[in-house]
Amino acid sequence: MTNLKQTLYEGQWLRLVRIGHWESCERTHAQGMAVIVIAVTPADEVLFVEQYRVPLGARTIEMPAGLVGDDHAEDSLTEAARRELIEETGWSPGRVEVLLTGPTSSGMSNERIAFVRARNLVRVGEGGGVDDENIIVHAVPRAEAPAWLMRKQAEGFELDLKLWAGLWMIDHNPDGSPAN
């Protein structure tokens, strides 16, 4: 595409741009990349986080996640995943592996996300996030996780659709082979 990029608005965190007739947004900080952490405790519980999300005007259920390079300029995907998991859930991973990266909403944003699997978890704190995140941690038995999520949706929570991919990637690699 040879059209020039025009900035329509730039805030502290996001920039709205037009390229030709297409409007989209870009992050103005971090690396335009986020991580979503797939984590299962030694008791075979999947870790979910609950928090209020202003853009939705609702509480959401998500897997632990965060921006890469947000406050850490030299961040890597694995370092960001490790940090976010500890901050949000209080669990520290012994092993972290990046599984897959791709766009979150390719028609609207340049943001990309990496699915990261965390293994060998050790409890190191309470979690809850930083600043005013007010995160509630849910450790749900893996066998009950899909039904639990559907109950939360029936209660009015917004469910991040990436949850379903994350649940699948507990036991599978992106190519369908068994996870080690």
N, C-alpha and C. Protein backbone atom coordinates (compact mmCIF):
# COMPACT_ATOMS: atom_id res chain seq x y z
N MET A 1 0.85 -1.18 0.00
CA MET A 1 0.00 0.00 0.00
C MET A 1 0.89 1.24 0.00
N THR A 2 0.68 2.15 -0.88
CA THR A 2 1.55 3.32 -1.02
C THR A 2 0.97 4.57 -0.36
N ASN A 3 -0.19 4.45 0.29
CA ASN A 3 -0.80 5.61 0.94
C ASN A 3 0.00 6.03 2.16
N LEU A 4 0.06 7.32 2.38
CA LEU A 4 0.75 7.86 3.54
C LEU A 4 -0.09 7.68 4.79
N LYS A 5 0.60 7.56 5.91
CA LYS A 5 -0.07 7.42 7.20
C LYS A 5 -0.36 8.81 7.75
N GLN A 6 -1.60 9.03 8.17
CA GLN A 6 -2.02 10.29 8.76
C GLN A 6 -2.44 10.03 10.20
N THR A 7 -1.89 10.79 11.15
CA THR A 7 -2.29 10.66 12.54
C THR A 7 -3.55 11.49 12.76
N LEU A 8 -4.63 10.83 13.19
CA LEU A 8 -5.89 11.51 13.46
C LEU A 8 -5.98 11.97 14.91
N TYR A 9 -5.40 11.18 15.81
CA TYR A 9 -5.40 11.52 17.23
C TYR A 9 -4.29 10.73 17.90
N GLU A 10 -3.61 11.36 18.85
CA GLU A 10 -2.62 10.64 19.63
C GLU A 10 -2.81 10.96 21.10
N GLY A 11 -3.02 9.91 21.89
CA GLY A 11 -3.16 10.04 23.33
C GLY A 11 -1.92 9.52 24.02
N GLN A 12 -2.03 9.31 25.32
CA GLN A 12 -0.91 8.82 26.09
C GLN A 12 -0.57 7.37 25.75
N TRP A 13 -1.57 6.57 25.39
CA TRP A 13 -1.36 5.14 25.19
C TRP A 13 -1.66 4.66 23.76
N LEU A 14 -2.53 5.38 23.05
CA LEU A 14 -2.95 4.95 21.72
C LEU A 14 -2.88 6.08 20.70
N ARG A 15 -2.73 5.69 19.44
CA ARG A 15 -2.72 6.63 18.33
C ARG A 15 -3.72 6.12 17.30
N LEU A 16 -4.61 6.99 16.85
CA LEU A 16 -5.55 6.65 15.79
C LEU A 16 -4.97 7.17 14.48
N VAL A 17 -4.86 6.28 13.49
CA VAL A 17 -4.24 6.65 12.22
C VAL A 17 -5.16 6.30 11.05
N ARG A 18 -4.92 6.97 9.93
CA ARG A 18 -5.59 6.65 8.67
C ARG A 18 -4.51 6.38 7.64
N ILE A 19 -4.64 5.25 6.95
CA ILE A 19 -3.78 4.92 5.83
C ILE A 19 -4.71 4.70 4.66
N GLY A 20 -4.70 5.62 3.71
CA GLY A 20 -5.69 5.58 2.64
C GLY A 20 -7.05 5.83 3.24
N HIS A 21 -7.99 4.93 3.04
CA HIS A 21 -9.32 5.08 3.63
C HIS A 21 -9.47 4.28 4.93
N TRP A 22 -8.41 3.54 5.33
CA TRP A 22 -8.49 2.64 6.47
C TRP A 22 -8.05 3.33 7.76
N GLU A 23 -8.89 3.25 8.79
CA GLU A 23 -8.55 3.79 10.09
C GLU A 23 -8.22 2.64 11.04
N SER A 24 -7.19 2.83 11.85
CA SER A 24 -6.81 1.82 12.84
C SER A 24 -6.10 2.51 13.99
N CYS A 25 -5.80 1.73 15.03
CA CYS A 25 -5.07 2.32 16.15
C CYS A 25 -3.77 1.58 16.38
N GLU A 26 -2.84 2.30 16.98
CA GLU A 26 -1.52 1.77 17.29
C GLU A 26 -1.21 2.08 18.75
N ARG A 27 -0.43 1.27 19.38
CA ARG A 27 0.05 1.58 20.72
C ARG A 27 1.16 2.62 20.61
N THR A 28 1.20 3.55 21.54
CA THR A 28 2.25 4.57 21.53
C THR A 28 3.36 4.25 22.53
N HIS A 29 3.25 3.13 23.20
CA HIS A 29 4.26 2.69 24.16
C HIS A 29 4.41 1.18 24.01
N ALA A 30 5.27 0.62 24.82
CA ALA A 30 5.55 -0.81 24.76
C ALA A 30 6.08 -1.15 23.37
N GLN A 31 5.94 -2.37 22.98
CA GLN A 31 6.49 -2.83 21.69
C GLN A 31 5.39 -3.25 20.73
N GLY A 32 4.14 -2.87 21.02
CA GLY A 32 3.03 -3.31 20.18
C GLY A 32 2.74 -4.78 20.34
N MET A 33 3.26 -5.37 21.41
CA MET A 33 3.13 -6.81 21.65
C MET A 33 2.66 -7.02 23.07
N ALA A 34 1.81 -8.02 23.24
CA ALA A 34 1.34 -8.41 24.56
C ALA A 34 1.53 -9.92 24.70
N VAL A 35 1.49 -10.39 25.93
CA VAL A 35 1.57 -11.83 26.20
C VAL A 35 0.30 -12.26 26.91
N ILE A 36 -0.15 -13.47 26.63
CA ILE A 36 -1.22 -14.11 27.38
C ILE A 36 -0.61 -15.39 27.93
N VAL A 37 -0.74 -15.58 29.24
CA VAL A 37 -0.03 -16.66 29.92
C VAL A 37 -0.99 -17.79 30.26
N ILE A 38 -0.68 -18.96 29.72
CA ILE A 38 -1.44 -20.18 29.97
C ILE A 38 -0.74 -20.88 31.14
N ALA A 39 -1.41 -20.92 32.29
CA ALA A 39 -0.76 -21.43 33.49
C ALA A 39 -1.67 -22.38 34.25
N VAL A 40 -1.10 -23.51 34.68
CA VAL A 40 -1.82 -24.51 35.45
C VAL A 40 -1.00 -24.78 36.71
N THR A 41 -1.66 -24.71 37.87
CA THR A 41 -0.98 -24.92 39.15
C THR A 41 -0.60 -26.39 39.34
N PRO A 42 0.24 -26.70 40.32
CA PRO A 42 0.56 -28.11 40.61
C PRO A 42 -0.68 -28.93 40.99
N ALA A 43 -1.75 -28.27 41.44
CA ALA A 43 -3.00 -28.97 41.78
C ALA A 43 -3.91 -29.13 40.57
N ASP A 44 -3.38 -28.88 39.37
CA ASP A 44 -4.12 -28.99 38.10
C ASP A 44 -5.28 -28.00 38.01
N GLU A 45 -5.02 -26.78 38.46
CA GLU A 45 -6.00 -25.70 38.36
C GLU A 45 -5.51 -24.68 37.34
N VAL A 46 -6.41 -24.25 36.47
CA VAL A 46 -6.10 -23.22 35.48
C VAL A 46 -6.22 -21.87 36.17
N LEU A 47 -5.26 -20.99 35.93
CA LEU A 47 -5.30 -19.66 36.51
C LEU A 47 -6.01 -18.68 35.57
N PHE A 48 -7.06 -18.06 36.08
CA PHE A 48 -7.80 -17.01 35.38
C PHE A 48 -7.74 -15.76 36.23
N VAL A 49 -7.87 -14.61 35.58
CA VAL A 49 -7.95 -13.35 36.31
C VAL A 49 -9.25 -12.65 35.96
N GLU A 50 -9.79 -11.99 36.95
CA GLU A 50 -11.03 -11.22 36.80
C GLU A 50 -10.69 -9.76 37.09
N GLN A 51 -11.14 -8.88 36.19
CA GLN A 51 -10.95 -7.46 36.43
C GLN A 51 -11.95 -6.63 35.64
N TYR A 52 -12.16 -5.43 36.10
CA TYR A 52 -13.06 -4.51 35.40
C TYR A 52 -12.29 -3.91 34.23
N ARG A 53 -12.90 -3.92 33.05
CA ARG A 53 -12.27 -3.34 31.86
C ARG A 53 -13.10 -2.15 31.40
N VAL A 54 -12.51 -0.98 31.49
CA VAL A 54 -13.21 0.27 31.17
C VAL A 54 -13.80 0.27 29.76
N PRO A 55 -13.06 -0.14 28.70
CA PRO A 55 -13.66 -0.09 27.36
C PRO A 55 -14.94 -0.90 27.23
N LEU A 56 -15.05 -1.99 27.98
CA LEU A 56 -16.25 -2.83 27.92
C LEU A 56 -17.30 -2.40 28.93
N GLY A 57 -16.89 -1.64 29.94
CA GLY A 57 -17.81 -1.26 31.01
C GLY A 57 -18.29 -2.48 31.77
N ALA A 58 -17.41 -3.50 31.90
CA ALA A 58 -17.83 -4.76 32.52
C ALA A 58 -16.62 -5.46 33.12
N ARG A 59 -16.89 -6.41 34.00
CA ARG A 59 -15.86 -7.28 34.53
C ARG A 59 -15.60 -8.38 33.50
N THR A 60 -14.35 -8.77 33.39
CA THR A 60 -13.96 -9.78 32.41
C THR A 60 -13.27 -10.95 33.10
N ILE A 61 -13.27 -12.07 32.44
CA ILE A 61 -12.46 -13.22 32.82
C ILE A 61 -11.45 -13.40 31.70
N GLU A 62 -10.18 -13.45 32.07
CA GLU A 62 -9.09 -13.57 31.11
C GLU A 62 -8.04 -14.50 31.68
N MET A 63 -7.08 -14.87 30.87
CA MET A 63 -5.87 -15.49 31.38
C MET A 63 -4.93 -14.34 31.71
N PRO A 64 -3.97 -14.55 32.62
CA PRO A 64 -3.03 -13.47 32.93
C PRO A 64 -2.38 -12.96 31.65
N ALA A 65 -2.22 -11.65 31.57
CA ALA A 65 -1.68 -11.06 30.34
C ALA A 65 -1.09 -9.70 30.64
N GLY A 66 -0.30 -9.21 29.70
CA GLY A 66 0.26 -7.88 29.85
C GLY A 66 1.09 -7.48 28.65
N LEU A 67 1.49 -6.23 28.66
CA LEU A 67 2.26 -5.67 27.56
C LEU A 67 3.74 -5.99 27.70
N VAL A 68 4.39 -6.15 26.57
CA VAL A 68 5.83 -6.38 26.52
C VAL A 68 6.50 -5.02 26.36
N GLY A 69 7.40 -4.70 27.26
CA GLY A 69 8.13 -3.43 27.16
C GLY A 69 7.35 -2.24 27.66
N ASP A 70 6.26 -2.45 28.34
CA ASP A 70 5.44 -1.35 28.85
C ASP A 70 6.25 -0.44 29.77
N ASP A 71 6.79 -1.01 30.82
CA ASP A 71 7.63 -0.26 31.75
C ASP A 71 9.05 -0.80 31.78
N HIS A 72 9.36 -1.70 30.89
CA HIS A 72 10.66 -2.37 30.86
C HIS A 72 11.15 -2.38 29.42
N ALA A 73 11.95 -1.40 29.05
CA ALA A 73 12.35 -1.17 27.66
C ALA A 73 12.99 -2.39 27.00
N GLU A 74 13.79 -3.15 27.74
CA GLU A 74 14.50 -4.28 27.16
C GLU A 74 13.78 -5.60 27.38
N ASP A 75 12.47 -5.55 27.56
CA ASP A 75 11.65 -6.72 27.85
C ASP A 75 11.70 -7.75 26.72
N SER A 76 11.60 -9.02 27.09
CA SER A 76 11.41 -10.09 26.12
C SER A 76 10.02 -10.68 26.38
N LEU A 77 9.54 -11.52 25.47
CA LEU A 77 8.25 -12.16 25.66
C LEU A 77 8.24 -13.01 26.94
N THR A 78 9.31 -13.77 27.15
CA THR A 78 9.34 -14.64 28.33
C THR A 78 9.47 -13.83 29.62
N GLU A 79 10.25 -12.77 29.61
CA GLU A 79 10.37 -11.93 30.81
C GLU A 79 9.04 -11.26 31.14
N ALA A 80 8.35 -10.76 30.12
CA ALA A 80 7.05 -10.11 30.34
C ALA A 80 6.04 -11.13 30.87
N ALA A 81 6.04 -12.33 30.33
CA ALA A 81 5.11 -13.36 30.78
C ALA A 81 5.38 -13.72 32.24
N ARG A 82 6.61 -13.89 32.59
CA ARG A 82 7.00 -14.23 33.96
C ARG A 82 6.55 -13.12 34.92
N ARG A 83 6.86 -11.89 34.58
CA ARG A 83 6.51 -10.74 35.42
C ARG A 83 5.00 -10.62 35.59
N GLU A 84 4.25 -10.69 34.48
CA GLU A 84 2.80 -10.53 34.55
C GLU A 84 2.14 -11.65 35.35
N LEU A 85 2.62 -12.87 35.19
CA LEU A 85 2.06 -13.99 35.94
C LEU A 85 2.24 -13.77 37.44
N ILE A 86 3.42 -13.35 37.86
CA ILE A 86 3.68 -13.09 39.28
C ILE A 86 2.83 -11.93 39.77
N GLU A 87 2.84 -10.80 39.03
CA GLU A 87 2.07 -9.62 39.45
C GLU A 87 0.59 -9.91 39.57
N GLU A 88 0.03 -10.61 38.59
CA GLU A 88 -1.41 -10.79 38.55
C GLU A 88 -1.90 -11.95 39.40
N THR A 89 -1.12 -13.04 39.48
CA THR A 89 -1.63 -14.23 40.17
C THR A 89 -0.86 -14.63 41.42
N GLY A 90 0.38 -14.15 41.57
CA GLY A 90 1.21 -14.58 42.69
C GLY A 90 1.91 -15.91 42.46
N TRP A 91 1.86 -16.43 41.25
CA TRP A 91 2.54 -17.68 40.90
C TRP A 91 3.75 -17.38 40.00
N SER A 92 4.88 -18.00 40.30
CA SER A 92 6.09 -17.83 39.50
C SER A 92 6.36 -19.10 38.69
N PRO A 93 6.63 -18.96 37.40
CA PRO A 93 6.89 -20.15 36.58
C PRO A 93 8.35 -20.58 36.64
N GLY A 94 8.56 -21.89 36.69
CA GLY A 94 9.91 -22.42 36.59
C GLY A 94 10.36 -22.49 35.13
N ARG A 95 9.40 -22.62 34.24
CA ARG A 95 9.68 -22.73 32.79
C ARG A 95 8.63 -21.94 32.02
N VAL A 96 9.07 -21.23 31.01
CA VAL A 96 8.17 -20.43 30.17
C VAL A 96 8.52 -20.71 28.72
N GLU A 97 7.49 -20.99 27.90
CA GLU A 97 7.75 -21.21 26.48
C GLU A 97 6.76 -20.43 25.62
N VAL A 98 7.29 -19.73 24.63
CA VAL A 98 6.46 -18.99 23.69
C VAL A 98 5.92 -19.99 22.68
N LEU A 99 4.60 -19.99 22.50
CA LEU A 99 3.95 -20.95 21.61
C LEU A 99 3.61 -20.38 20.25
N LEU A 100 3.07 -19.17 20.22
CA LEU A 100 2.50 -18.65 18.99
C LEU A 100 2.31 -17.15 19.13
N THR A 101 2.57 -16.39 18.07
CA THR A 101 2.30 -14.95 18.08
C THR A 101 1.43 -14.59 16.89
N GLY A 102 0.62 -13.56 17.06
CA GLY A 102 -0.23 -13.10 15.96
C GLY A 102 -1.05 -11.89 16.38
N PRO A 103 -1.77 -11.30 15.43
CA PRO A 103 -2.56 -10.10 15.71
C PRO A 103 -3.77 -10.40 16.59
N THR A 104 -4.15 -9.41 17.40
CA THR A 104 -5.33 -9.57 18.25
C THR A 104 -6.60 -9.15 17.53
N SER A 105 -6.53 -8.12 16.73
CA SER A 105 -7.68 -7.63 15.96
C SER A 105 -7.14 -6.93 14.72
N SER A 106 -6.79 -7.72 13.72
CA SER A 106 -6.02 -7.23 12.57
C SER A 106 -6.71 -6.14 11.76
N GLY A 107 -8.01 -6.03 11.87
CA GLY A 107 -8.71 -4.97 11.14
C GLY A 107 -8.77 -3.66 11.90
N MET A 108 -8.37 -3.68 13.19
CA MET A 108 -8.50 -2.48 14.01
C MET A 108 -7.18 -2.00 14.61
N SER A 109 -6.24 -2.91 14.87
CA SER A 109 -5.06 -2.53 15.63
C SER A 109 -3.82 -3.24 15.11
N ASN A 110 -2.67 -2.63 15.36
CA ASN A 110 -1.40 -3.28 15.01
C ASN A 110 -0.87 -4.16 16.15
N GLU A 111 -1.61 -4.25 17.24
CA GLU A 111 -1.16 -5.04 18.38
C GLU A 111 -1.10 -6.53 18.04
N ARG A 112 -0.05 -7.18 18.54
CA ARG A 112 0.11 -8.62 18.40
C ARG A 112 0.20 -9.22 19.80
N ILE A 113 -0.17 -10.48 19.90
CA ILE A 113 -0.13 -11.16 21.19
C ILE A 113 0.63 -12.46 21.02
N ALA A 114 1.31 -12.84 22.09
CA ALA A 114 2.01 -14.12 22.12
C ALA A 114 1.36 -15.01 23.17
N PHE A 115 0.98 -16.22 22.77
CA PHE A 115 0.53 -17.22 23.72
C PHE A 115 1.79 -17.82 24.34
N VAL A 116 1.84 -17.80 25.66
CA VAL A 116 3.01 -18.30 26.38
C VAL A 116 2.52 -19.33 27.41
N ARG A 117 3.16 -20.48 27.42
CA ARG A 117 2.79 -21.53 28.38
C ARG A 117 3.78 -21.47 29.54
N ALA A 118 3.25 -21.40 30.76
CA ALA A 118 4.07 -21.37 31.97
C ALA A 118 3.95 -22.72 32.66
N ARG A 119 5.07 -23.27 33.05
CA ARG A 119 5.11 -24.59 33.69
C ARG A 119 5.83 -24.51 35.03
N ASN A 120 5.67 -25.57 35.82
CA ASN A 120 6.39 -25.70 37.11
C ASN A 120 6.15 -24.48 38.00
N LEU A 121 4.89 -24.18 38.24
CA LEU A 121 4.54 -22.99 39.02
C LEU A 121 4.82 -23.18 40.51
N VAL A 122 5.25 -22.08 41.14
CA VAL A 122 5.49 -22.02 42.57
C VAL A 122 4.80 -20.77 43.09
N ARG A 123 4.05 -20.92 44.17
CA ARG A 123 3.34 -19.78 44.76
C ARG A 123 4.35 -18.86 45.44
N VAL A 124 4.36 -17.56 45.07
CA VAL A 124 5.31 -16.60 45.65
C VAL A 124 4.62 -15.37 46.24
N GLY A 125 3.31 -15.26 46.08
CA GLY A 125 2.61 -14.09 46.60
C GLY A 125 1.12 -14.21 46.40
N GLU A 126 0.44 -13.11 46.63
CA GLU A 126 -1.02 -13.09 46.53
C GLU A 126 -1.53 -12.73 45.14
N GLY A 127 -0.72 -12.02 44.36
CA GLY A 127 -1.20 -11.52 43.07
C GLY A 127 -2.08 -10.31 43.25
N GLY A 128 -2.98 -10.09 42.31
CA GLY A 128 -3.88 -8.94 42.40
C GLY A 128 -3.51 -7.78 41.50
N GLY A 129 -2.35 -7.86 40.86
CA GLY A 129 -1.95 -6.81 39.94
C GLY A 129 -1.19 -5.68 40.61
N VAL A 130 -0.97 -4.63 39.85
CA VAL A 130 -0.26 -3.45 40.33
C VAL A 130 -1.18 -2.24 40.21
N ASP A 131 -0.80 -1.18 40.90
CA ASP A 131 -1.56 0.06 40.88
C ASP A 131 -3.03 -0.20 41.21
N ASP A 132 -3.92 0.19 40.32
CA ASP A 132 -5.35 0.06 40.59
C ASP A 132 -6.01 -1.05 39.77
N GLU A 133 -5.25 -2.10 39.42
CA GLU A 133 -5.81 -3.18 38.60
C GLU A 133 -6.89 -3.96 39.35
N ASN A 134 -6.75 -4.14 40.64
CA ASN A 134 -7.76 -4.84 41.45
C ASN A 134 -8.14 -6.18 40.84
N ILE A 135 -7.16 -6.98 40.55
CA ILE A 135 -7.38 -8.28 39.93
C ILE A 135 -7.77 -9.32 40.98
N ILE A 136 -8.77 -10.10 40.64
CA ILE A 136 -9.16 -11.24 41.45
C ILE A 136 -8.67 -12.49 40.73
N VAL A 137 -7.96 -13.34 41.45
CA VAL A 137 -7.39 -14.56 40.88
C VAL A 137 -8.36 -15.71 41.10
N HIS A 138 -8.58 -16.48 40.06
CA HIS A 138 -9.39 -17.69 40.14
C HIS A 138 -8.52 -18.87 39.72
N ALA A 139 -8.41 -19.86 40.60
CA ALA A 139 -7.72 -21.12 40.29
C ALA A 139 -8.82 -22.17 40.17
N VAL A 140 -9.09 -22.59 38.94
CA VAL A 140 -10.23 -23.46 38.64
C VAL A 140 -9.73 -24.83 38.20
N PRO A 141 -10.25 -25.90 38.81
CA PRO A 141 -9.83 -27.24 38.36
C PRO A 141 -9.96 -27.36 36.84
N ARG A 142 -8.91 -27.85 36.21
CA ARG A 142 -8.86 -27.87 34.74
C ARG A 142 -10.07 -28.57 34.13
N ALA A 143 -10.50 -29.68 34.70
CA ALA A 143 -11.64 -30.43 34.15
C ALA A 143 -12.93 -29.62 34.21
N GLU A 144 -13.02 -28.67 35.12
CA GLU A 144 -14.23 -27.87 35.30
C GLU A 144 -14.16 -26.51 34.61
N ALA A 145 -13.00 -26.16 34.04
CA ALA A 145 -12.78 -24.81 33.53
C ALA A 145 -13.81 -24.37 32.46
N PRO A 146 -14.09 -25.16 31.42
CA PRO A 146 -15.06 -24.69 30.43
C PRO A 146 -16.45 -24.41 31.03
N ALA A 147 -16.93 -25.30 31.88
CA ALA A 147 -18.25 -25.09 32.50
C ALA A 147 -18.22 -23.88 33.43
N TRP A 148 -17.13 -23.71 34.16
CA TRP A 148 -16.99 -22.55 35.05
C TRP A 148 -17.04 -21.24 34.24
N LEU A 149 -16.33 -21.24 33.11
CA LEU A 149 -16.34 -20.05 32.26
C LEU A 149 -17.76 -19.74 31.77
N MET A 150 -18.49 -20.75 31.36
CA MET A 150 -19.85 -20.51 30.86
C MET A 150 -20.77 -20.01 31.98
N ARG A 151 -20.55 -20.47 33.21
CA ARG A 151 -21.33 -19.94 34.35
C ARG A 151 -21.00 -18.47 34.57
N LYS A 152 -19.72 -18.13 34.45
CA LYS A 152 -19.33 -16.72 34.63
C LYS A 152 -19.97 -15.85 33.54
N GLN A 153 -20.02 -16.35 32.31
CA GLN A 153 -20.68 -15.60 31.24
C GLN A 153 -22.16 -15.42 31.56
N ALA A 154 -22.81 -16.44 32.05
CA ALA A 154 -24.23 -16.35 32.41
C ALA A 154 -24.45 -15.35 33.55
N GLU A 155 -23.43 -15.15 34.38
CA GLU A 155 -23.51 -14.17 35.47
C GLU A 155 -23.27 -12.74 34.98
N GLY A 156 -22.92 -12.58 33.70
CA GLY A 156 -22.73 -11.24 33.14
C GLY A 156 -21.29 -10.84 32.88
N PHE A 157 -20.35 -11.73 33.13
CA PHE A 157 -18.95 -11.43 32.85
C PHE A 157 -18.70 -11.50 31.35
N GLU A 158 -17.80 -10.68 30.86
CA GLU A 158 -17.31 -10.78 29.49
C GLU A 158 -16.17 -11.79 29.49
N LEU A 159 -16.18 -12.72 28.55
CA LEU A 159 -15.12 -13.72 28.44
C LEU A 159 -14.22 -13.40 27.26
N ASP A 160 -12.93 -13.34 27.52
CA ASP A 160 -11.95 -13.16 26.45
C ASP A 160 -11.96 -14.43 25.61
N LEU A 161 -12.23 -14.31 24.33
CA LEU A 161 -12.33 -15.50 23.47
C LEU A 161 -11.02 -16.27 23.35
N LYS A 162 -9.91 -15.60 23.65
CA LYS A 162 -8.62 -16.30 23.62
C LYS A 162 -8.52 -17.36 24.71
N LEU A 163 -9.44 -17.32 25.67
CA LEU A 163 -9.46 -18.35 26.72
C LEU A 163 -9.55 -19.75 26.13
N TRP A 164 -10.37 -19.91 25.11
CA TRP A 164 -10.59 -21.24 24.53
C TRP A 164 -9.34 -21.75 23.85
N ALA A 165 -8.62 -20.88 23.18
CA ALA A 165 -7.35 -21.30 22.59
C ALA A 165 -6.35 -21.64 23.68
N GLY A 166 -6.34 -20.85 24.74
CA GLY A 166 -5.44 -21.11 25.85
C GLY A 166 -5.72 -22.45 26.51
N LEU A 167 -6.98 -22.76 26.71
CA LEU A 167 -7.33 -24.06 27.30
C LEU A 167 -6.83 -25.20 26.42
N TRP A 168 -6.98 -25.06 25.12
CA TRP A 168 -6.53 -26.10 24.20
C TRP A 168 -5.00 -26.26 24.27
N MET A 169 -4.30 -25.11 24.40
CA MET A 169 -2.83 -25.15 24.38
C MET A 169 -2.22 -25.58 25.71
N ILE A 170 -3.05 -25.89 26.71
CA ILE A 170 -2.49 -26.50 27.92
C ILE A 170 -1.87 -27.85 27.55
N ASP A 171 -2.58 -28.60 26.72
CA ASP A 171 -2.15 -29.96 26.38
C ASP A 171 -1.62 -30.12 24.96
N HIS A 172 -1.73 -29.07 24.14
CA HIS A 172 -1.33 -29.18 22.74
C HIS A 172 -0.39 -28.04 22.35
N ASN A 173 0.50 -28.35 21.43
CA ASN A 173 1.27 -27.32 20.77
C ASN A 173 0.43 -26.75 19.64
N PRO A 174 0.76 -25.57 19.14
CA PRO A 174 -0.06 -24.98 18.07
C PRO A 174 -0.23 -25.87 16.85
N ASP A 175 0.72 -26.78 16.58
CA ASP A 175 0.59 -27.67 15.41
C ASP A 175 -0.27 -28.90 15.71
N GLY A 176 -0.81 -28.99 16.93
CA GLY A 176 -1.67 -30.12 17.28
C GLY A 176 -0.94 -31.26 17.99
N SER A 177 0.37 -31.23 18.00
CA SER A 177 1.11 -32.28 18.69
C SER A 177 0.95 -32.12 20.20
N PRO A 178 1.16 -33.21 20.93
CA PRO A 178 1.02 -33.14 22.40
C PRO A 178 2.07 -32.22 23.00
N ALA A 179 1.67 -31.46 24.02
CA ALA A 179 2.61 -30.60 24.74
C ALA A 179 3.50 -31.46 25.61
N ASN A 180 4.73 -31.07 25.78
CA ASN A 180 5.67 -31.82 26.63
C ASN A 180 5.49 -31.43 28.07
